[in-house]
Each structure stands twice: as structure tokens, then as C-alpha cells.
C-alpha atoms as a PDB file:
ATOM      1  CA  UNK A   1      94.366 108.146 111.051  1.00  0.00           C
ATOM      2  CA  UNK A   2      98.078 108.861 110.825  1.00  0.00           C
ATOM      3  CA  UNK A   3     100.291 106.350 109.051  1.00  0.00           C
ATOM      4  CA  UNK A   4     104.013 106.631 108.346  1.00  0.00           C
ATOM      5  CA  UNK A   5     104.362 109.647 106.050  1.00  0.00           C
ATOM      6  CA  UNK A   6     100.629 109.760 105.364  1.00  0.00           C
ATOM      7  CA  UNK A   7      97.277 110.820 106.716  1.00  0.00           C
ATOM      8  CA  UNK A   8      94.100 108.871 106.105  1.00  0.00           C
ATOM      9  CA  UNK A   9      90.801 110.645 106.540  1.00  0.00           C
ATOM     10  CA  UNK A  10      87.211 109.734 105.978  1.00  0.00           C
ATOM     11  CA  UNK A  11      84.643 112.314 104.971  1.00  0.00           C
ATOM     12  CA  UNK A  12      81.393 112.758 103.095  1.00  0.00           C
ATOM     13  CA  UNK A  13      81.801 112.536  99.311  1.00  0.00           C
ATOM     14  CA  UNK A  14      80.477 116.066  98.797  1.00  0.00           C
ATOM     15  CA  UNK A  15      83.074 117.421 101.268  1.00  0.00           C
ATOM     16  CA  UNK A  16      86.110 115.551  99.904  1.00  0.00           C
ATOM     17  CA  UNK A  17      87.481 118.367  97.726  1.00  0.00           C
ATOM     18  CA  UNK A  18      87.158 120.934 100.509  1.00  0.00           C
ATOM     19  CA  UNK A  19      88.952 118.569 102.902  1.00  0.00           C
ATOM     20  CA  UNK A  20      91.699 118.164 100.295  1.00  0.00           C
ATOM     21  CA  UNK A  21      92.071 121.928  99.914  1.00  0.00           C
ATOM     22  CA  UNK A  22      92.244 122.335 103.694  1.00  0.00           C
ATOM     23  CA  UNK A  23      94.944 119.666 104.031  1.00  0.00           C
ATOM     24  CA  UNK A  24      96.993 121.051 101.142  1.00  0.00           C
ATOM     25  CA  UNK A  25      96.770 124.618 102.433  1.00  0.00           C
ATOM     26  CA  UNK A  26      97.849 123.622 105.934  1.00  0.00           C
ATOM     27  CA  UNK A  27     100.543 121.087 105.092  1.00  0.00           C
ATOM     28  CA  UNK A  28     102.221 122.689 102.080  1.00  0.00           C
ATOM     29  CA  UNK A  29     103.419 125.639 104.123  1.00  0.00           C
ATOM     30  CA  UNK A  30     107.094 126.513 103.938  1.00  0.00           C
ATOM     31  CA  UNK A  31     108.813 126.509 107.308  1.00  0.00           C
ATOM     32  CA  UNK A  32     112.381 127.514 108.068  1.00  0.00           C
ATOM     33  CA  UNK A  33     114.612 124.759 109.431  1.00  0.00           C
ATOM     34  CA  UNK A  34     118.063 126.152 110.236  1.00  0.00           C
ATOM     35  CA  UNK A  35     117.939 128.522 107.282  1.00  0.00           C
ATOM     36  CA  UNK A  36     116.419 126.015 104.853  1.00  0.00           C
ATOM     37  CA  UNK A  37     112.813 126.488 103.760  1.00  0.00           C
ATOM     38  CA  UNK A  38     110.998 123.157 103.592  1.00  0.00           C
ATOM     39  CA  UNK A  39     107.383 122.121 103.080  1.00  0.00           C
ATOM     40  CA  UNK A  40     105.459 118.857 103.079  1.00  0.00           C
ATOM     41  CA  UNK A  41     104.291 117.932  99.565  1.00  0.00           C
ATOM     42  CA  UNK A  42     100.715 116.675  99.527  1.00  0.00           C
ATOM     43  CA  UNK A  43      99.424 114.019  97.149  1.00  0.00           C
ATOM     44  CA  UNK A  44      95.989 112.443  97.163  1.00  0.00           C
ATOM     45  CA  UNK A  45      94.419 109.032  96.755  1.00  0.00           C
ATOM     46  CA  UNK A  46      90.685 108.419  97.005  1.00  0.00           C
ATOM     47  CA  UNK A  47      88.824 105.187  97.565  1.00  0.00           C
ATOM     48  CA  UNK A  48      86.104 103.309  99.358  1.00  0.00           C
ATOM     49  CA  UNK A  49      88.592 101.430 101.492  1.00  0.00           C
ATOM     50  CA  UNK A  50      92.280 101.135 102.339  1.00  0.00           C
ATOM     51  CA  UNK A  51      93.173  98.629  99.608  1.00  0.00           C
ATOM     52  CA  UNK A  52      91.011  99.904  96.753  1.00  0.00           C
ATOM     53  CA  UNK A  53      91.883 103.458  95.773  1.00  0.00           C
ATOM     54  CA  UNK A  54      92.811 105.682  92.829  1.00  0.00           C
ATOM     55  CA  UNK A  55      95.927 107.831  92.972  1.00  0.00           C
ATOM     56  CA  UNK A  56      95.318 111.462  92.070  1.00  0.00           C
ATOM     57  CA  UNK A  57      98.660 113.036  92.945  1.00  0.00           C
ATOM     58  CA  UNK A  58      98.649 116.802  93.401  1.00  0.00           C
ATOM     59  CA  UNK A  59      95.202 118.231  94.035  1.00  0.00           C
ATOM     60  CA  UNK A  60      93.593 119.042  90.664  1.00  0.00           C
ATOM     61  CA  UNK A  61      90.737 121.471  90.077  1.00  0.00           C
ATOM     62  CA  UNK A  62      87.397 120.701  91.744  1.00  0.00           C
ATOM     63  CA  UNK A  63      85.746 119.294  88.601  1.00  0.00           C
ATOM     64  CA  UNK A  64      88.534 116.821  87.886  1.00  0.00           C
ATOM     65  CA  UNK A  65      88.731 115.752  91.529  1.00  0.00           C
ATOM     66  CA  UNK A  66      84.984 115.230  91.846  1.00  0.00           C
ATOM     67  CA  UNK A  67      84.903 113.227  88.606  1.00  0.00           C
ATOM     68  CA  UNK A  68      87.526 110.835  89.996  1.00  0.00           C
ATOM     69  CA  UNK A  69      85.665 110.559  93.303  1.00  0.00           C
ATOM     70  CA  UNK A  70      82.397 109.728  91.521  1.00  0.00           C
ATOM     71  CA  UNK A  71      84.141 107.045  89.440  1.00  0.00           C
ATOM     72  CA  UNK A  72      85.711 105.484  92.526  1.00  0.00           C
ATOM     73  CA  UNK A  73      82.480 105.544  94.542  1.00  0.00           C
ATOM     74  CA  UNK A  74      80.410 103.631  91.928  1.00  0.00           C
END
């Protein structure tokens, strides 16, 4: 789902980090706009639903990310 300045995606818990890596690698790509290099910064939130989530910010290492996901999914 695309929201204003955000993307919301649903995936299996064991695939969440790989989805995050994919999104970061494809969105944080510098592109030239009239001589100015710009990229889209990517920050993450994980949760069971739209209103109940934990902010992670920049994608951490796999272990840290998966620990947060496990805490949120309890």
C-alpha cells in the first residue's frame, strides 16, 4: 500500500529483514535531478497493524531487526 511519503507492506515474519534490505537497496539510490544528486531515505517501523508499531529508523543489522520484530509480534 502506498501512503503519502510512505510504503506499507505485509510479509511473513521470517522474510521481513530481506524485504527491508530490498526496499532500502532500491529506494536509497542516488539519482541526478538537474545536477543535484538526491535519494529517498528509508526508515522502518514494524507492527501487527497500522496503529500498533515500533519505530526502528534506519535498517539495523539482521539480529537487531529480528529481535525487534519478535518483540512486536508477541
